[in-house]
C-alpha atoms as a PDB file:
ATOM      1  CA  PRO A   1     -52.939 -63.076  14.495  1.00  0.00           C
ATOM      2  CA  PRO A   2     -51.094 -63.704  11.070  1.00  0.00           C
ATOM      3  CA  HIS A   3     -53.029 -64.321   7.803  1.00  0.00           C
ATOM      4  CA  PRO A   4     -52.866 -67.514   6.003  1.00  0.00           C
ATOM      5  CA  HIS A   5     -50.625 -66.091   3.574  1.00  0.00           C
ATOM      6  CA  GLY A   6     -48.570 -64.451   5.973  1.00  0.00           C
ATOM      7  CA  THR A   7     -49.664 -60.603   6.053  1.00  0.00           C
ATOM      8  CA  VAL A   8     -51.342 -59.591   9.243  1.00  0.00           C
ATOM      9  CA  ALA A   9     -54.964 -59.792   9.200  1.00  0.00           C
ATOM     10  CA  GLN A  10     -56.490 -55.922   9.638  1.00  0.00           C
ATOM     11  CA  SER A  11     -59.564 -55.714  11.540  1.00  0.00           C
ATOM     12  CA  ALA A  12     -62.052 -52.740  12.391  1.00  0.00           C
ATOM     13  CA  ILE A  13     -64.838 -51.582  14.934  1.00  0.00           C
ATOM     14  CA  VAL A  14     -67.121 -48.852  13.674  1.00  0.00           C
ATOM     15  CA  LEU A  15     -68.985 -47.224  16.944  1.00  0.00           C
ATOM     16  CA  VAL A  16     -72.306 -45.748  15.222  1.00  0.00           C
ATOM     17  CA  ASN A  17     -74.357 -43.488  16.691  1.00  0.00           C
ATOM     18  CA  LEU A  18     -77.616 -41.625  15.322  1.00  0.00           C
ATOM     19  CA  GLY A  19     -75.914 -38.564  14.481  1.00  0.00           C
ATOM     20  CA  THR A  20     -76.020 -34.616  15.349  1.00  0.00           C
ATOM     21  CA  PRO A  21     -75.934 -31.541  13.571  1.00  0.00           C
ATOM     22  CA  ASP A  22     -72.310 -30.008  12.925  1.00  0.00           C
ATOM     23  CA  ALA A  23     -72.956 -26.951  15.129  1.00  0.00           C
ATOM     24  CA  PRO A  24     -76.056 -25.606  17.035  1.00  0.00           C
ATOM     25  CA  THR A  25     -76.937 -23.326  14.345  1.00  0.00           C
ATOM     26  CA  ARG A  26     -80.199 -23.258  12.796  1.00  0.00           C
ATOM     27  CA  SER A  27     -78.588 -24.048   9.263  1.00  0.00           C
ATOM     28  CA  ALA A  28     -76.612 -27.085  10.439  1.00  0.00           C
ATOM     29  CA  ASP A  29     -79.623 -28.157  12.394  1.00  0.00           C
ATOM     30  CA  LYS A  30     -81.781 -27.486   9.158  1.00  0.00           C
ATOM     31  CA  ARG A  31     -79.042 -29.797   7.303  1.00  0.00           C
ATOM     32  CA  TYR A  32     -79.007 -32.570   9.616  1.00  0.00           C
ATOM     33  CA  LEU A  33     -82.751 -32.695   9.910  1.00  0.00           C
ATOM     34  CA  LYS A  34     -83.479 -32.880   6.402  1.00  0.00           C
ATOM     35  CA  GLN A  35     -81.010 -36.078   6.446  1.00  0.00           C
ATOM     36  CA  PHE A  36     -82.213 -37.695   9.170  1.00  0.00           C
ATOM     37  CA  LEU A  37     -86.434 -37.087   8.194  1.00  0.00           C
ATOM     38  CA  SER A  38     -85.746 -37.771   4.538  1.00  0.00           C
ATOM     39  CA  ASP A  39     -84.947 -41.603   5.000  1.00  0.00           C
ATOM     40  CA  ARG A  40     -87.966 -43.271   3.962  1.00  0.00           C
ATOM     41  CA  ARG A  41     -87.178 -45.649   7.027  1.00  0.00           C
ATOM     42  CA  VAL A  42     -88.150 -43.267   9.708  1.00  0.00           C
ATOM     43  CA  ASP A  43     -91.010 -41.988   8.103  1.00  0.00           C
ATOM     44  CA  GLU A  44     -93.749 -44.066   6.287  1.00  0.00           C
ATOM     45  CA  ILE A  45     -95.994 -41.238   5.007  1.00  0.00           C
ATOM     46  CA  PRO A  46     -96.278 -41.182   1.318  1.00  0.00           C
ATOM     47  CA  ARG A  47     -93.190 -39.515  -0.352  1.00  0.00           C
ATOM     48  CA  LEU A  48     -95.348 -36.431  -1.916  1.00  0.00           C
ATOM     49  CA  VAL A  49     -97.117 -35.539   1.320  1.00  0.00           C
ATOM     50  CA  TRP A  50     -94.052 -36.173   3.513  1.00  0.00           C
ATOM     51  CA  SER A  51     -91.863 -33.736   1.107  1.00  0.00           C
ATOM     52  CA  PHE A  52     -94.590 -31.056   1.864  1.00  0.00           C
ATOM     53  CA  ILE A  53     -94.621 -31.530   5.139  1.00  0.00           C
ATOM     54  CA  LEU A  54     -90.849 -31.600   5.777  1.00  0.00           C
ATOM     55  CA  ASN A  55     -89.547 -28.996   3.764  1.00  0.00           C
ATOM     56  CA  LEU A  56     -92.624 -26.300   4.080  1.00  0.00           C
ATOM     57  CA  ILE A  57     -93.615 -26.888   8.126  1.00  0.00           C
ATOM     58  CA  ILE A  58     -90.910 -28.898   9.975  1.00  0.00           C
ATOM     59  CA  LEU A  59     -87.853 -27.565   8.319  1.00  0.00           C
ATOM     60  CA  PRO A  60     -88.960 -23.650   8.601  1.00  0.00           C
ATOM     61  CA  PHE A  61     -89.968 -24.046  11.934  1.00  0.00           C
ATOM     62  CA  ARG A  62     -88.030 -27.055  13.854  1.00  0.00           C
ATOM     63  CA  SER A  63     -85.018 -26.163  12.855  1.00  0.00           C
ATOM     64  CA  GLY A  64     -84.604 -22.833  14.942  1.00  0.00           C
ATOM     65  CA  ALA A  65     -85.999 -24.534  17.881  1.00  0.00           C
ATOM     66  CA  SER A  66     -84.292 -27.963  17.972  1.00  0.00           C
ATOM     67  CA  ALA A  67     -81.066 -25.390  17.137  1.00  0.00           C
ATOM     68  CA  LYS A  68     -81.544 -23.330  20.442  1.00  0.00           C
ATOM     69  CA  LYS A  69     -82.081 -26.489  22.358  1.00  0.00           C
ATOM     70  CA  TYR A  70     -78.741 -28.038  20.912  1.00  0.00           C
ATOM     71  CA  GLN A  71     -77.233 -24.532  22.064  1.00  0.00           C
ATOM     72  CA  THR A  72     -78.303 -25.291  25.870  1.00  0.00           C
ATOM     73  CA  ILE A  73     -76.388 -28.419  25.692  1.00  0.00           C
ATOM     74  CA  TRP A  74     -73.494 -27.813  23.109  1.00  0.00           C
ATOM     75  CA  THR A  75     -70.257 -27.850  24.478  1.00  0.00           C
ATOM     76  CA  LYS A  76     -67.069 -26.498  23.529  1.00  0.00           C
ATOM     77  CA  GLU A  77     -65.576 -29.394  22.189  1.00  0.00           C
ATOM     78  CA  GLY A  78     -68.830 -29.920  20.217  1.00  0.00           C
ATOM     79  CA  SER A  79     -71.735 -31.822  20.194  1.00  0.00           C
ATOM     80  CA  PRO A  80     -71.961 -34.101  23.606  1.00  0.00           C
ATOM     81  CA  LEU A  81     -73.157 -37.072  21.331  1.00  0.00           C
ATOM     82  CA  LYS A  82     -70.208 -36.569  19.557  1.00  0.00           C
ATOM     83  CA  VAL A  83     -67.898 -35.672  21.717  1.00  0.00           C
ATOM     84  CA  HIS A  84     -68.688 -38.902  24.070  1.00  0.00           C
ATOM     85  CA  THR A  85     -68.890 -41.294  21.231  1.00  0.00           C
ATOM     86  CA  GLN A  86     -65.243 -40.054  20.063  1.00  0.00           C
ATOM     87  CA  ARG A  87     -63.920 -40.462  23.179  1.00  0.00           C
ATOM     88  CA  GLN A  88     -65.477 -44.256  23.561  1.00  0.00           C
ATOM     89  CA  ALA A  89     -64.085 -44.854  20.099  1.00  0.00           C
ATOM     90  CA  GLN A  90     -60.488 -43.636  21.704  1.00  0.00           C
ATOM     91  CA  LEU A  91     -60.582 -45.649  24.891  1.00  0.00           C
ATOM     92  CA  LEU A  92     -61.753 -48.566  22.880  1.00  0.00           C
ATOM     93  CA  GLN A  93     -58.841 -48.394  20.757  1.00  0.00           C
ATOM     94  CA  ALA A  94     -56.475 -48.086  23.734  1.00  0.00           C
ATOM     95  CA  ALA A  95     -57.767 -50.990  25.708  1.00  0.00           C
ATOM     96  CA  LEU A  96     -57.388 -53.264  22.827  1.00  0.00           C
ATOM     97  CA  GLU A  97     -53.960 -51.978  21.900  1.00  0.00           C
ATOM     98  CA  GLN A  98     -53.311 -52.643  25.523  1.00  0.00           C
ATOM     99  CA  ARG A  99     -54.451 -56.109  25.267  1.00  0.00           C
ATOM    100  CA  GLY A 100     -51.961 -57.158  22.198  1.00  0.00           C
ATOM    101  CA  HIS A 101     -54.523 -56.025  19.380  1.00  0.00           C
ATOM    102  CA  GLU A 102     -52.816 -53.278  17.792  1.00  0.00           C
ATOM    103  CA  GLY A 103     -54.039 -54.769  14.066  1.00  0.00           C
ATOM    104  CA  VAL A 104     -57.658 -53.068  15.261  1.00  0.00           C
ATOM    105  CA  GLN A 105     -58.637 -50.049  13.971  1.00  0.00           C
ATOM    106  CA  VAL A 106     -61.543 -48.053  16.000  1.00  0.00           C
ATOM    107  CA  ARG A 107     -63.482 -45.407  14.409  1.00  0.00           C
ATOM    108  CA  MET A 108     -66.575 -43.734  15.040  1.00  0.00           C
ATOM    109  CA  ALA A 109     -69.220 -42.879  12.541  1.00  0.00           C
ATOM    110  CA  MET A 110     -73.017 -40.876  12.633  1.00  0.00           C
ATOM    111  CA  ARG A 111     -75.880 -42.436  10.781  1.00  0.00           C
ATOM    112  CA  TYR A 112     -76.831 -38.971  10.010  1.00  0.00           C
ATOM    113  CA  GLY A 113     -74.086 -36.188  10.252  1.00  0.00           C
ATOM    114  CA  SER A 114     -70.686 -36.508  10.048  1.00  0.00           C
ATOM    115  CA  PRO A 115     -68.585 -38.070   9.975  1.00  0.00           C
ATOM    116  CA  SER A 116     -70.932 -39.660   7.814  1.00  0.00           C
ATOM    117  CA  LEU A 117     -70.851 -43.875   7.758  1.00  0.00           C
ATOM    118  CA  PRO A 118     -70.161 -44.102   4.345  1.00  0.00           C
ATOM    119  CA  GLU A 119     -67.015 -42.136   5.015  1.00  0.00           C
ATOM    120  CA  VAL A 120     -65.134 -43.813   7.452  1.00  0.00           C
ATOM    121  CA  LEU A 121     -65.892 -47.239   5.798  1.00  0.00           C
END
């Protein structure tokens, strides 16, 4: 609808998912896990203790095992979570345009990983 000042109002919908590594590799999974598990809302263990656990136990050992699991589900298009979230955004964009909502932009973002929520916003 027209904006009161004569311009077209712009709206956006951002579909946000938790996140996924950029690749099914140990290094990509390590980056993803570090970002995810460094969030103070994910774990409330005192920072010094958690930093020790994260950097000396979880990241060196968990990232390799986790990457192997990702390799079993990874598709030629990429991470299933990312692929399906992107597809949902495309379908919602098409459905909105079909109903006359051309001024609405639909994007997808990941809370952890890429595309990051701040980057998309």
